[in-house]
Amino acid sequence: MPTLEPLRLDHAASLLTFERVNRAFFAKSIPDRGDDFFTRFDALHAERLAEQDTGACRFHVLVDDLGAIVGRVNLVDIAGGEAELGYRIGEEASGHGLATNAVAEVRQLARRDYGLQRLRAKITVDNVASRKVLERNGFTETERMELNGRPAIGFLLHLS
C-alpha cells in the first residue's frame, strides 16, 4: 500500500516521471498542465516547495514500496481556515481505492495538523470517479461552474 508523504526536494525525479507517464490519462478528465510545466519542472518544483514552506499550500505524494510516485494530493490557497483540495492518481494505480484513502488521510491532516475548517474541490461534470471520491469523503455539491471551458461542479467539506 502506498504511503502519503509531504512533498520534498528528493521527490522531483519520481514526480516528473509520474506526470509524464500519466499526462494523456489525466488530460481525459482534468485540464492538461501544458508543455511549459514539463519544460520548467525543476523551477516549478522548487517554487512549490517554497510555497509549502510559507504554509500557503501543502503538497503530498503517494509513494509505493519501490519509491515511485503513484499519486498526489494537494491543499492549495490555504487562507482563513480553508483550502482547495486537488488530487491525481496515476492510471496504473487507479481503481483500487487509493484516491478515496489518500483524500481521507489528507482530510485528517487538514483538520488535525493544518488547523483547517473547510476544504473546497472542483471537478469536471464528466469526472465520475472523482465525484465518488469526494462524496465518499463527505464533500457536498455547492455550485455549478465552468473549469477551463468545461462544465464543472464545486464541492465543500466542513471539517468540524
C-alpha atoms as a PDB file:
ATOM      1  CA  MET A   1       0.000   0.000   0.000  1.00  0.00           C
ATOM      2  CA  PRO A   2       1.473   3.391  -0.957  1.00  0.00           C
ATOM      3  CA  THR A   3       2.297   5.832   1.812  1.00  0.00           C
ATOM      4  CA  LEU A   4       1.386   9.504   1.885  1.00  0.00           C
ATOM      5  CA  GLU A   5       4.398  11.802   2.271  1.00  0.00           C
ATOM      6  CA  PRO A   6       4.808  15.578   2.288  1.00  0.00           C
ATOM      7  CA  LEU A   7       6.395  16.724  -0.958  1.00  0.00           C
ATOM      8  CA  ARG A   8      10.188  17.018  -0.714  1.00  0.00           C
ATOM      9  CA  LEU A   9      13.039  18.050  -2.990  1.00  0.00           C
ATOM     10  CA  ASP A  10      14.127  14.438  -3.488  1.00  0.00           C
ATOM     11  CA  HIS A  11      10.702  13.549  -4.955  1.00  0.00           C
ATOM     12  CA  ALA A  12      11.447  15.624  -8.079  1.00  0.00           C
ATOM     13  CA  ALA A  13      12.611  12.885 -10.467  1.00  0.00           C
ATOM     14  CA  SER A  14       9.857  10.441  -9.486  1.00  0.00           C
ATOM     15  CA  LEU A  15       7.215  13.181  -9.630  1.00  0.00           C
ATOM     16  CA  LEU A  16       8.295  14.267 -13.107  1.00  0.00           C
ATOM     17  CA  THR A  17       8.145  10.657 -14.294  1.00  0.00           C
ATOM     18  CA  PHE A  18       4.678  10.278 -12.754  1.00  0.00           C
ATOM     19  CA  GLU A  19       3.404  13.416 -14.512  1.00  0.00           C
ATOM     20  CA  ARG A  20       4.929  12.453 -17.895  1.00  0.00           C
ATOM     21  CA  VAL A  21       3.715   8.853 -17.858  1.00  0.00           C
ATOM     22  CA  ASN A  22       0.182   9.876 -16.891  1.00  0.00           C
ATOM     23  CA  ARG A  23      -0.168  13.081 -18.904  1.00  0.00           C
ATOM     24  CA  ALA A  24      -2.566  11.693 -21.523  1.00  0.00           C
ATOM     25  CA  PHE A  25      -4.542   9.789 -18.886  1.00  0.00           C
ATOM     26  CA  PHE A  26      -5.021  12.918 -16.766  1.00  0.00           C
ATOM     27  CA  ALA A  27      -5.948  15.060 -19.779  1.00  0.00           C
ATOM     28  CA  LYS A  28      -9.051  12.894 -20.291  1.00  0.00           C
ATOM     29  CA  SER A  29     -10.645  14.255 -17.120  1.00  0.00           C
ATOM     30  CA  ILE A  30      -8.729  17.338 -15.927  1.00  0.00           C
ATOM     31  CA  PRO A  31      -7.105  20.267 -17.723  1.00  0.00           C
ATOM     32  CA  ASP A  32      -3.644  19.486 -19.114  1.00  0.00           C
ATOM     33  CA  ARG A  33      -0.698  21.171 -17.401  1.00  0.00           C
ATOM     34  CA  GLY A  34       0.785  22.232 -20.755  1.00  0.00           C
ATOM     35  CA  ASP A  35       4.276  21.812 -22.172  1.00  0.00           C
ATOM     36  CA  ASP A  36       5.669  24.634 -20.034  1.00  0.00           C
ATOM     37  CA  PHE A  37       5.069  22.544 -16.900  1.00  0.00           C
ATOM     38  CA  PHE A  38       7.420  19.849 -18.175  1.00  0.00           C
ATOM     39  CA  THR A  39       9.996  22.245 -19.606  1.00  0.00           C
ATOM     40  CA  ARG A  40      10.205  24.232 -16.358  1.00  0.00           C
ATOM     41  CA  PHE A  41       9.581  21.340 -13.983  1.00  0.00           C
ATOM     42  CA  ASP A  42      12.663  21.804 -11.761  1.00  0.00           C
ATOM     43  CA  ALA A  43      11.950  25.506 -11.227  1.00  0.00           C
ATOM     44  CA  LEU A  44       8.245  24.834 -10.625  1.00  0.00           C
ATOM     45  CA  HIS A  45       9.075  22.077  -8.139  1.00  0.00           C
ATOM     46  CA  ALA A  46      11.313  24.491  -6.226  1.00  0.00           C
ATOM     47  CA  GLU A  47       8.520  27.109  -6.281  1.00  0.00           C
ATOM     48  CA  ARG A  48       6.012  24.574  -4.882  1.00  0.00           C
ATOM     49  CA  LEU A  49       8.408  23.696  -2.058  1.00  0.00           C
ATOM     50  CA  ALA A  50       8.889  27.396  -1.269  1.00  0.00           C
ATOM     51  CA  GLU A  51       5.092  27.863  -1.199  1.00  0.00           C
ATOM     52  CA  GLN A  52       4.804  24.895   1.128  1.00  0.00           C
ATOM     53  CA  ASP A  53       7.409  26.417   3.442  1.00  0.00           C
ATOM     54  CA  THR A  54       5.210  29.517   3.827  1.00  0.00           C
ATOM     55  CA  GLY A  55       2.165  27.416   4.774  1.00  0.00           C
ATOM     56  CA  ALA A  56       0.162  28.720   1.799  1.00  0.00           C
ATOM     57  CA  CYS A  57      -0.016  25.202   0.361  1.00  0.00           C
ATOM     58  CA  ARG A  58       0.510  21.616   1.493  1.00  0.00           C
ATOM     59  CA  PHE A  59       1.638  19.165  -1.169  1.00  0.00           C
ATOM     60  CA  HIS A  60       1.600  15.385  -0.667  1.00  0.00           C
ATOM     61  CA  VAL A  61       2.642  12.422  -2.794  1.00  0.00           C
ATOM     62  CA  LEU A  62       1.690   8.750  -2.637  1.00  0.00           C
ATOM     63  CA  VAL A  63       4.846   6.655  -2.802  1.00  0.00           C
ATOM     64  CA  ASP A  64       4.808   2.912  -3.489  1.00  0.00           C
ATOM     65  CA  ASP A  65       7.120   0.296  -1.985  1.00  0.00           C
ATOM     66  CA  LEU A  66       9.670   0.833  -4.766  1.00  0.00           C
ATOM     67  CA  GLY A  67       9.816   4.604  -4.230  1.00  0.00           C
ATOM     68  CA  ALA A  68       7.746   5.512  -7.290  1.00  0.00           C
ATOM     69  CA  ILE A  69       5.090   8.185  -7.018  1.00  0.00           C
ATOM     70  CA  VAL A  70       1.651   6.827  -7.907  1.00  0.00           C
ATOM     71  CA  GLY A  71      -0.450   9.818  -6.886  1.00  0.00           C
ATOM     72  CA  ARG A  72      -0.572  13.232  -5.330  1.00  0.00           C
ATOM     73  CA  VAL A  73      -2.968  15.107  -3.049  1.00  0.00           C
ATOM     74  CA  ASN A  74      -2.588  18.851  -2.620  1.00  0.00           C
ATOM     75  CA  LEU A  75      -4.111  21.560  -0.475  1.00  0.00           C
ATOM     76  CA  VAL A  76      -3.657  24.945  -2.141  1.00  0.00           C
ATOM     77  CA  ASP A  77      -4.665  28.527  -1.473  1.00  0.00           C
ATOM     78  CA  ILE A  78      -4.751  27.965   2.282  1.00  0.00           C
ATOM     79  CA  ALA A  79      -6.303  31.010   3.954  1.00  0.00           C
ATOM     80  CA  GLY A  80      -8.977  31.777   6.511  1.00  0.00           C
ATOM     81  CA  GLY A  81      -9.225  28.173   7.689  1.00  0.00           C
ATOM     82  CA  GLU A  82      -9.964  26.935   4.181  1.00  0.00           C
ATOM     83  CA  ALA A  83      -8.063  25.292   1.298  1.00  0.00           C
ATOM     84  CA  GLU A  84      -8.737  23.854  -2.118  1.00  0.00           C
ATOM     85  CA  LEU A  85      -8.167  20.120  -2.480  1.00  0.00           C
ATOM     86  CA  GLY A  86      -6.732  18.655  -5.652  1.00  0.00           C
ATOM     87  CA  TYR A  87      -5.581  15.121  -6.351  1.00  0.00           C
ATOM     88  CA  ARG A  88      -4.478  12.779  -9.117  1.00  0.00           C
ATOM     89  CA  ILE A  89      -3.853   9.066  -9.103  1.00  0.00           C
ATOM     90  CA  GLY A  90      -1.827   7.500 -11.909  1.00  0.00           C
ATOM     91  CA  GLU A  91      -3.546   5.256 -14.420  1.00  0.00           C
ATOM     92  CA  GLU A  92      -1.946   2.009 -13.226  1.00  0.00           C
ATOM     93  CA  ALA A  93      -2.855   2.730  -9.589  1.00  0.00           C
ATOM     94  CA  SER A  94      -6.405   3.952 -10.213  1.00  0.00           C
ATOM     95  CA  GLY A  95      -9.486   1.923  -9.390  1.00  0.00           C
ATOM     96  CA  HIS A  96      -8.100   0.455  -6.160  1.00  0.00           C
ATOM     97  CA  GLY A  97      -9.424   2.975  -3.614  1.00  0.00           C
ATOM     98  CA  LEU A  98      -6.142   4.913  -3.363  1.00  0.00           C
ATOM     99  CA  ALA A  99      -7.750   8.282  -4.071  1.00  0.00           C
ATOM    100  CA  THR A 100     -10.505   7.743  -1.505  1.00  0.00           C
ATOM    101  CA  ASN A 101      -7.996   6.671   1.149  1.00  0.00           C
ATOM    102  CA  ALA A 102      -5.470   9.413   0.332  1.00  0.00           C
ATOM    103  CA  VAL A 103      -8.132  12.134   0.425  1.00  0.00           C
ATOM    104  CA  ALA A 104      -9.340  10.754   3.765  1.00  0.00           C
ATOM    105  CA  GLU A 105      -5.799  10.907   5.129  1.00  0.00           C
ATOM    106  CA  VAL A 106      -5.251  14.474   3.899  1.00  0.00           C
ATOM    107  CA  ARG A 107      -8.665  15.436   5.263  1.00  0.00           C
ATOM    108  CA  GLN A 108      -7.467  14.322   8.710  1.00  0.00           C
ATOM    109  CA  LEU A 109      -4.160  16.179   8.324  1.00  0.00           C
ATOM    110  CA  ALA A 110      -6.028  19.299   7.236  1.00  0.00           C
ATOM    111  CA  ARG A 111      -8.093  19.336  10.396  1.00  0.00           C
ATOM    112  CA  ARG A 112      -5.610  17.991  12.937  1.00  0.00           C
ATOM    113  CA  ASP A 113      -2.229  19.320  11.750  1.00  0.00           C
ATOM    114  CA  TYR A 114      -3.012  22.280   9.483  1.00  0.00           C
ATOM    115  CA  GLY A 115      -5.892  23.739  11.519  1.00  0.00           C
ATOM    116  CA  LEU A 116      -8.313  23.954   8.600  1.00  0.00           C
ATOM    117  CA  GLN A 117     -12.085  24.031   8.978  1.00  0.00           C
ATOM    118  CA  ARG A 118     -13.191  23.659   5.343  1.00  0.00           C
ATOM    119  CA  LEU A 119     -11.989  22.091   2.106  1.00  0.00           C
ATOM    120  CA  ARG A 120     -13.207  23.038  -1.353  1.00  0.00           C
ATOM    121  CA  ALA A 121     -12.827  20.975  -4.527  1.00  0.00           C
ATOM    122  CA  LYS A 122     -13.747  21.328  -8.198  1.00  0.00           C
ATOM    123  CA  ILE A 123     -14.243  18.598 -10.760  1.00  0.00           C
ATOM    124  CA  THR A 124     -15.500  18.449 -14.308  1.00  0.00           C
ATOM    125  CA  VAL A 125     -19.025  17.061 -14.595  1.00  0.00           C
ATOM    126  CA  ASP A 126     -17.832  14.028 -16.562  1.00  0.00           C
ATOM    127  CA  ASN A 127     -15.254  13.019 -13.908  1.00  0.00           C
ATOM    128  CA  VAL A 128     -17.467  10.426 -12.213  1.00  0.00           C
ATOM    129  CA  ALA A 129     -14.600   8.726 -10.357  1.00  0.00           C
ATOM    130  CA  SER A 130     -13.529  11.965  -8.669  1.00  0.00           C
ATOM    131  CA  ARG A 131     -17.104  12.745  -7.747  1.00  0.00           C
ATOM    132  CA  LYS A 132     -17.348   9.378  -5.963  1.00  0.00           C
ATOM    133  CA  VAL A 133     -14.083  10.047  -4.103  1.00  0.00           C
ATOM    134  CA  LEU A 134     -15.351  13.410  -2.879  1.00  0.00           C
ATOM    135  CA  GLU A 135     -18.770  12.094  -1.872  1.00  0.00           C
ATOM    136  CA  ARG A 136     -17.231   9.121  -0.017  1.00  0.00           C
ATOM    137  CA  ASN A 137     -15.196  11.661   1.934  1.00  0.00           C
ATOM    138  CA  GLY A 138     -18.223  13.735   2.939  1.00  0.00           C
ATOM    139  CA  PHE A 139     -18.000  16.559   0.372  1.00  0.00           C
ATOM    140  CA  THR A 140     -21.291  18.052  -0.812  1.00  0.00           C
ATOM    141  CA  GLU A 141     -22.053  19.798  -4.075  1.00  0.00           C
ATOM    142  CA  THR A 142     -22.301  23.568  -3.723  1.00  0.00           C
ATOM    143  CA  GLU A 143     -22.299  25.038  -7.211  1.00  0.00           C
ATOM    144  CA  ARG A 144     -22.132  24.520 -10.949  1.00  0.00           C
ATOM    145  CA  MET A 145     -19.422  26.334 -12.894  1.00  0.00           C
ATOM    146  CA  GLU A 146     -17.004  26.107 -15.792  1.00  0.00           C
ATOM    147  CA  LEU A 147     -13.481  24.788 -15.430  1.00  0.00           C
ATOM    148  CA  ASN A 148     -11.245  25.569 -18.403  1.00  0.00           C
ATOM    149  CA  GLY A 149     -14.314  25.827 -20.624  1.00  0.00           C
ATOM    150  CA  ARG A 150     -15.860  22.577 -19.407  1.00  0.00           C
ATOM    151  CA  PRO A 151     -18.951  22.147 -17.195  1.00  0.00           C
ATOM    152  CA  ALA A 152     -17.833  21.594 -13.608  1.00  0.00           C
ATOM    153  CA  ILE A 153     -19.061  21.170 -10.052  1.00  0.00           C
ATOM    154  CA  GLY A 154     -17.806  22.810  -6.869  1.00  0.00           C
ATOM    155  CA  PHE A 155     -17.810  20.869  -3.597  1.00  0.00           C
ATOM    156  CA  LEU A 156     -17.347  21.773   0.059  1.00  0.00           C
ATOM    157  CA  LEU A 157     -16.460  19.799   3.174  1.00  0.00           C
ATOM    158  CA  HIS A 158     -16.762  21.133   6.727  1.00  0.00           C
ATOM    159  CA  LEU A 159     -14.032  19.502   8.826  1.00  0.00           C
ATOM    160  CA  SER A 160     -15.539  20.149  12.281  1.00  0.00           C
END
